[in-house]
Amino acid sequence: MAITKDTIIGTILDTAPEAAPILMGMGMHCLGCPASRGESVEMACIVHGLDPDEVVAKVNEFLAAQ
């Protein structure tokens, strides 16, 4: 699975739950919140003050190594 800025957080967690620690380590501590499951990566990054391109790159790098 490769993610983009438009990928929904819930889709990532459902498809690749092993990515949760990566997202949490980058500052997305609310992955269990129902609202977060419907947000895109880009929307979640805006809320948490993160660079969406950096998050996408790190998660994709992690997933590719799996």
N, C-alpha and C. Protein backbone atom coordinates (compact mmCIF):
# COMPACT_ATOMS: atom_id res chain seq x y z
N MET A 1 0.84 -1.18 0.00
CA MET A 1 0.00 0.00 0.00
C MET A 1 0.88 1.24 0.00
N ALA A 2 0.61 2.15 -0.88
CA ALA A 2 1.28 3.45 -0.89
C ALA A 2 0.24 4.51 -0.55
N ILE A 3 0.60 5.43 0.32
CA ILE A 3 -0.34 6.47 0.70
C ILE A 3 0.01 7.79 0.01
N THR A 4 -0.98 8.66 -0.04
CA THR A 4 -0.80 10.01 -0.55
C THR A 4 -1.37 10.97 0.49
N LYS A 5 -1.29 12.25 0.21
CA LYS A 5 -1.86 13.24 1.12
C LYS A 5 -3.37 13.12 1.20
N ASP A 6 -3.98 12.49 0.20
CA ASP A 6 -5.44 12.34 0.17
C ASP A 6 -5.92 11.05 0.83
N THR A 7 -5.01 10.17 1.20
CA THR A 7 -5.40 8.92 1.83
C THR A 7 -6.04 9.21 3.19
N ILE A 8 -7.13 8.52 3.47
CA ILE A 8 -7.85 8.71 4.72
C ILE A 8 -7.13 7.92 5.84
N ILE A 9 -6.97 8.55 6.99
CA ILE A 9 -6.27 7.94 8.12
C ILE A 9 -6.89 6.58 8.46
N GLY A 10 -8.21 6.49 8.48
CA GLY A 10 -8.87 5.22 8.79
C GLY A 10 -8.50 4.13 7.81
N THR A 11 -8.32 4.47 6.56
CA THR A 11 -7.91 3.49 5.54
C THR A 11 -6.51 2.97 5.85
N ILE A 12 -5.63 3.87 6.24
CA ILE A 12 -4.26 3.45 6.59
C ILE A 12 -4.32 2.50 7.78
N LEU A 13 -5.06 2.87 8.81
CA LEU A 13 -5.12 2.05 10.02
C LEU A 13 -5.78 0.70 9.77
N ASP A 14 -6.77 0.66 8.89
CA ASP A 14 -7.43 -0.60 8.57
C ASP A 14 -6.55 -1.50 7.71
N THR A 15 -5.84 -0.91 6.77
CA THR A 15 -5.04 -1.67 5.83
C THR A 15 -3.65 -2.00 6.37
N ALA A 16 -3.06 -1.06 7.09
CA ALA A 16 -1.70 -1.23 7.60
C ALA A 16 -1.60 -0.72 9.04
N PRO A 17 -2.22 -1.45 9.99
CA PRO A 17 -2.20 -0.99 11.38
C PRO A 17 -0.79 -0.83 11.95
N GLU A 18 0.16 -1.51 11.34
CA GLU A 18 1.55 -1.38 11.80
C GLU A 18 2.12 0.02 11.56
N ALA A 19 1.42 0.85 10.78
CA ALA A 19 1.86 2.23 10.54
C ALA A 19 1.48 3.17 11.68
N ALA A 20 0.60 2.72 12.59
CA ALA A 20 0.15 3.57 13.69
C ALA A 20 1.30 4.12 14.53
N PRO A 21 2.28 3.30 14.94
CA PRO A 21 3.38 3.85 15.74
C PRO A 21 4.19 4.92 15.01
N ILE A 22 4.29 4.79 13.69
CA ILE A 22 5.01 5.81 12.91
C ILE A 22 4.25 7.13 12.98
N LEU A 23 2.94 7.07 12.74
CA LEU A 23 2.12 8.29 12.78
C LEU A 23 2.13 8.89 14.18
N MET A 24 1.99 8.06 15.20
CA MET A 24 1.99 8.57 16.57
C MET A 24 3.34 9.18 16.93
N GLY A 25 4.40 8.56 16.47
CA GLY A 25 5.74 9.08 16.73
C GLY A 25 6.00 10.42 16.09
N MET A 26 5.24 10.73 15.05
CA MET A 26 5.39 12.02 14.37
C MET A 26 4.48 13.09 14.98
N GLY A 27 3.64 12.69 15.96
CA GLY A 27 2.81 13.68 16.63
C GLY A 27 1.32 13.51 16.47
N MET A 28 0.89 12.47 15.76
CA MET A 28 -0.54 12.23 15.60
C MET A 28 -1.00 11.28 16.71
N HIS A 29 -1.24 11.84 17.88
CA HIS A 29 -1.57 11.04 19.06
C HIS A 29 -3.05 10.73 19.18
N CYS A 30 -3.86 11.20 18.27
CA CYS A 30 -5.31 11.01 18.39
C CYS A 30 -5.85 10.01 17.37
N LEU A 31 -5.08 9.00 17.03
CA LEU A 31 -5.51 8.04 16.02
C LEU A 31 -6.76 7.26 16.43
N GLY A 32 -7.03 7.16 17.70
CA GLY A 32 -8.21 6.46 18.16
C GLY A 32 -9.46 7.31 18.15
N CYS A 33 -9.31 8.59 17.93
CA CYS A 33 -10.44 9.51 17.89
C CYS A 33 -11.29 9.24 16.64
N PRO A 34 -12.60 9.11 16.80
CA PRO A 34 -13.45 8.83 15.63
C PRO A 34 -13.30 9.87 14.51
N ALA A 35 -13.10 11.11 14.86
CA ALA A 35 -12.96 12.15 13.83
C ALA A 35 -11.70 11.95 13.01
N SER A 36 -10.64 11.49 13.63
CA SER A 36 -9.37 11.34 12.90
C SER A 36 -9.46 10.27 11.83
N ARG A 37 -10.30 9.27 12.02
CA ARG A 37 -10.42 8.18 11.05
C ARG A 37 -10.98 8.65 9.72
N GLY A 38 -11.67 9.79 9.71
CA GLY A 38 -12.25 10.30 8.48
C GLY A 38 -11.44 11.40 7.83
N GLU A 39 -10.33 11.77 8.45
CA GLU A 39 -9.49 12.84 7.89
C GLU A 39 -8.48 12.29 6.91
N SER A 40 -8.14 13.10 5.93
CA SER A 40 -7.04 12.75 5.04
C SER A 40 -5.72 12.98 5.77
N VAL A 41 -4.66 12.42 5.26
CA VAL A 41 -3.34 12.66 5.83
C VAL A 41 -3.06 14.16 5.85
N GLU A 42 -3.38 14.84 4.76
CA GLU A 42 -3.12 16.28 4.69
C GLU A 42 -3.91 17.05 5.75
N MET A 43 -5.18 16.71 5.93
CA MET A 43 -5.99 17.39 6.94
C MET A 43 -5.43 17.15 8.34
N ALA A 44 -5.05 15.92 8.63
CA ALA A 44 -4.49 15.58 9.94
C ALA A 44 -3.18 16.32 10.17
N CYS A 45 -2.38 16.45 9.14
CA CYS A 45 -1.11 17.17 9.26
C CYS A 45 -1.33 18.65 9.56
N ILE A 46 -2.32 19.23 8.92
CA ILE A 46 -2.63 20.64 9.17
C ILE A 46 -3.00 20.84 10.64
N VAL A 47 -3.86 19.95 11.15
CA VAL A 47 -4.30 20.05 12.55
C VAL A 47 -3.13 19.90 13.51
N HIS A 48 -2.17 19.05 13.17
CA HIS A 48 -1.05 18.77 14.08
C HIS A 48 0.21 19.55 13.75
N GLY A 49 0.14 20.44 12.77
CA GLY A 49 1.31 21.26 12.44
C GLY A 49 2.45 20.48 11.83
N LEU A 50 2.11 19.46 11.05
CA LEU A 50 3.14 18.63 10.41
C LEU A 50 3.19 18.87 8.92
N ASP A 51 4.31 18.55 8.32
CA ASP A 51 4.47 18.66 6.87
C ASP A 51 3.92 17.39 6.24
N PRO A 52 2.83 17.50 5.48
CA PRO A 52 2.22 16.29 4.90
C PRO A 52 3.15 15.52 3.97
N ASP A 53 4.01 16.21 3.25
CA ASP A 53 4.95 15.51 2.36
C ASP A 53 5.93 14.65 3.16
N GLU A 54 6.37 15.17 4.30
CA GLU A 54 7.28 14.42 5.16
C GLU A 54 6.58 13.20 5.76
N VAL A 55 5.35 13.38 6.20
CA VAL A 55 4.60 12.26 6.78
C VAL A 55 4.37 11.18 5.73
N VAL A 56 3.93 11.57 4.55
CA VAL A 56 3.69 10.61 3.47
C VAL A 56 4.98 9.85 3.14
N ALA A 57 6.08 10.56 3.03
CA ALA A 57 7.36 9.92 2.70
C ALA A 57 7.76 8.92 3.77
N LYS A 58 7.65 9.29 5.05
CA LYS A 58 8.07 8.39 6.12
C LYS A 58 7.18 7.17 6.22
N VAL A 59 5.88 7.36 6.09
CA VAL A 59 4.97 6.22 6.18
C VAL A 59 5.19 5.29 4.98
N ASN A 60 5.32 5.85 3.79
CA ASN A 60 5.56 5.01 2.61
C ASN A 60 6.88 4.26 2.71
N GLU A 61 7.90 4.91 3.24
CA GLU A 61 9.20 4.26 3.43
C GLU A 61 9.05 3.09 4.40
N PHE A 62 8.33 3.32 5.49
CA PHE A 62 8.10 2.26 6.46
C PHE A 62 7.33 1.10 5.84
N LEU A 63 6.26 1.41 5.14
CA LEU A 63 5.42 0.37 4.54
C LEU A 63 6.16 -0.42 3.47
N ALA A 64 7.02 0.24 2.71
CA ALA A 64 7.79 -0.45 1.68
C ALA A 64 8.78 -1.44 2.27
N ALA A 65 9.23 -1.15 3.48
CA ALA A 65 10.20 -2.04 4.14
C ALA A 65 9.53 -3.26 4.78
N GLN A 66 8.22 -3.25 4.85
CA GLN A 66 7.48 -4.37 5.47
C GLN A 66 7.45 -5.58 4.59
